Amino acid sequence: MEFFANKMIWSAFWGMVIAQVLKVVIIVIFERRWDFQRIKETGGMPSSHSATVAAITTTCGMMYGMNSPYFAICIIFGSIVIHDATGVRRAAGKHAEILNNLVSELSHLIVEGKNEKALKTLLGHTYPQVFVGTIVGIIIGYFWGIR
């Protein structure tokens, strides 16, 4: 079972899990309420996308060196994931917010019984969310890399 011994997979997995759990913890600390739904949602602080790719990239760099082709692959794909989280997905969330406001404003024109479900607006990440997620991922990746 080599799959289960793969440090890079475990570092990515724990980067994602810990970032998702931190979302709930941050809500408890700052809003004084439990919101366990956040554990399965995208968007928010910290970015689990960034934590995941930073963890696997850090572990890869420690295992194979920063000159390795594996590290280069991780850096490139990680950059794409982070760019997507702060760019395309964030823009989609803003568009969803605008559309939800329009539907709310024009609700009197919608035929009764045909109320549309609001679009999800928390899709992407701000730069601070990505930064914190990346730091979380680097820390997790470091600990998996030295194991």
Protein backbone atom coordinates (compact mmCIF):
# COMPACT_ATOMS: atom_id res chain seq x y z
CA MET A 1 0.00 0.00 0.00
CA GLU A 2 2.46 2.61 -1.19
CA PHE A 3 -0.39 5.06 -1.71
CA PHE A 4 -1.00 5.33 2.03
CA ALA A 5 2.71 5.90 2.69
CA ASN A 6 2.92 8.86 0.29
CA LYS A 7 3.92 11.91 2.35
CA MET A 8 2.90 14.33 -0.38
CA ILE A 9 -0.66 13.02 -0.49
CA TRP A 10 -0.93 13.13 3.30
CA SER A 11 0.45 16.66 3.50
CA ALA A 12 -2.06 17.86 0.89
CA PHE A 13 -4.90 16.01 2.65
CA TRP A 14 -4.07 17.47 6.07
CA GLY A 15 -3.53 20.92 4.57
CA MET A 16 -7.08 20.82 3.23
CA VAL A 17 -8.63 19.33 6.40
CA ILE A 18 -6.90 21.69 8.81
CA ALA A 19 -7.78 24.75 6.71
CA GLN A 20 -11.44 23.69 6.58
CA VAL A 21 -11.53 23.12 10.36
CA LEU A 22 -9.87 26.51 10.90
CA LYS A 23 -12.79 28.14 9.06
CA VAL A 24 -15.15 26.88 11.77
CA VAL A 25 -12.73 27.87 14.55
CA ILE A 26 -12.36 31.40 13.15
CA ILE A 27 -16.14 31.82 13.05
CA VAL A 28 -16.38 30.66 16.68
CA ILE A 29 -13.66 33.11 17.75
CA PHE A 30 -14.86 36.18 15.84
CA GLU A 31 -18.62 35.64 15.59
CA ARG A 32 -19.21 33.60 18.75
CA ARG A 33 -21.28 30.97 16.95
CA TRP A 34 -20.85 27.46 15.58
CA ASP A 35 -21.24 27.03 11.84
CA PHE A 36 -20.31 23.46 10.95
CA GLN A 37 -21.60 23.99 7.40
CA ARG A 38 -18.43 26.00 6.70
CA ILE A 39 -16.36 22.85 6.98
CA LYS A 40 -17.67 21.63 3.63
CA GLU A 41 -17.91 24.96 1.79
CA THR A 42 -15.49 26.74 -0.50
CA GLY A 43 -14.30 30.29 0.08
CA GLY A 44 -13.52 32.02 3.34
CA MET A 45 -10.58 32.26 5.73
CA PRO A 46 -8.20 30.50 5.30
CA SER A 47 -8.10 29.24 1.74
CA SER A 48 -8.03 25.44 1.80
CA HIS A 49 -7.07 25.47 -1.89
CA SER A 50 -3.93 27.44 -1.02
CA ALA A 51 -3.22 25.31 2.04
CA THR A 52 -3.51 22.12 0.01
CA VAL A 53 -1.21 23.16 -2.82
CA ALA A 54 1.28 24.87 -0.48
CA ALA A 55 1.48 21.74 1.69
CA ILE A 56 2.13 19.37 -1.21
CA THR A 57 4.61 21.81 -2.80
CA THR A 58 6.54 22.28 0.45
CA THR A 59 6.72 18.54 1.11
CA CYS A 60 7.78 17.93 -2.49
CA GLY A 61 10.51 20.56 -2.26
CA MET A 62 11.84 19.05 0.93
CA MET A 63 11.77 15.50 -0.42
CA TYR A 64 13.09 16.04 -3.93
CA GLY A 65 14.78 19.44 -3.76
CA MET A 66 13.75 22.75 -5.23
CA ASN A 67 15.60 21.98 -8.45
CA SER A 68 13.55 18.86 -9.15
CA PRO A 69 11.01 18.63 -11.96
CA TYR A 70 8.42 17.46 -9.37
CA PHE A 71 8.80 20.68 -7.42
CA ALA A 72 8.47 22.68 -10.65
CA ILE A 73 5.24 20.85 -11.46
CA CYS A 74 3.87 21.56 -7.97
CA ILE A 75 4.78 25.25 -8.19
CA ILE A 76 3.13 25.69 -11.60
CA PHE A 77 -0.07 23.84 -10.77
CA GLY A 78 -0.22 25.41 -7.32
CA SER A 79 0.07 28.86 -8.88
CA ILE A 80 -2.79 28.03 -11.25
CA VAL A 81 -5.00 26.84 -8.37
CA ILE A 82 -4.28 29.96 -6.29
CA HIS A 83 -4.79 32.27 -9.27
CA ASP A 84 -8.11 30.59 -9.98
CA ALA A 85 -9.20 30.91 -6.34
CA THR A 86 -8.45 34.64 -6.24
CA GLY A 87 -9.45 35.43 -9.79
CA VAL A 88 -12.08 33.45 -11.64
CA ARG A 89 -13.85 31.92 -8.65
CA ARG A 90 -13.86 35.21 -6.73
CA ALA A 91 -15.31 37.01 -9.75
CA ALA A 92 -17.97 34.31 -10.10
CA GLY A 93 -18.92 34.88 -6.45
CA LYS A 94 -19.24 38.62 -7.03
CA HIS A 95 -21.39 37.99 -10.10
CA ALA A 96 -23.59 35.65 -8.07
CA GLU A 97 -24.02 38.36 -5.43
CA ILE A 98 -25.11 40.90 -8.05
CA LEU A 99 -27.52 38.41 -9.64
CA ASN A 100 -29.01 37.55 -6.25
CA ASN A 101 -29.60 41.26 -5.57
CA LEU A 102 -31.26 41.67 -8.97
CA VAL A 103 -33.54 38.70 -8.38
CA SER A 104 -34.45 40.11 -4.97
CA GLU A 105 -35.18 43.56 -6.42
CA LEU A 106 -37.25 42.15 -9.27
CA SER A 107 -38.95 39.41 -7.24
CA HIS A 108 -42.34 41.02 -7.80
CA LEU A 109 -42.00 40.16 -11.50
CA ILE A 110 -41.25 36.49 -10.90
CA VAL A 111 -44.20 34.16 -11.33
CA GLU A 112 -45.34 32.78 -8.01
CA GLY A 113 -44.10 29.26 -7.37
CA LYS A 114 -41.05 29.82 -9.57
CA ASN A 115 -38.76 31.34 -6.96
CA GLU A 116 -35.18 30.60 -7.86
CA LYS A 117 -32.72 29.45 -5.22
CA ALA A 118 -30.10 32.09 -4.44
CA LEU A 119 -26.73 31.56 -6.08
CA LYS A 120 -23.76 30.72 -3.88
CA THR A 121 -21.63 33.84 -3.39
CA LEU A 122 -18.78 32.53 -1.22
CA LEU A 123 -16.74 30.90 -3.98
CA GLY A 124 -13.34 32.52 -4.18
CA HIS A 125 -10.77 34.01 -1.86
CA THR A 126 -9.33 37.39 -1.01
CA TYR A 127 -5.55 37.84 -0.96
CA PRO A 128 -5.37 37.68 2.87
CA GLN A 129 -7.33 34.40 2.83
CA VAL A 130 -4.90 32.98 0.26
CA PHE A 131 -1.90 34.25 2.22
CA VAL A 132 -3.05 32.62 5.47
CA GLY A 133 -3.96 29.40 3.65
CA THR A 134 -0.52 29.33 2.05
CA ILE A 135 1.19 29.81 5.43
CA VAL A 136 -0.93 27.02 6.94
CA GLY A 137 0.01 24.77 4.02
CA ILE A 138 3.72 25.55 4.25
CA ILE A 139 3.74 24.70 7.97
CA ILE A 140 1.89 21.42 7.40
CA GLY A 141 4.06 20.56 4.39
CA TYR A 142 7.20 21.27 6.40
CA PHE A 143 6.19 18.87 9.15
CA TRP A 144 5.34 16.14 6.63
CA GLY A 145 8.61 16.79 4.81
CA ILE A 146 10.76 16.27 7.92
CA ARG A 147 8.99 13.04 8.94
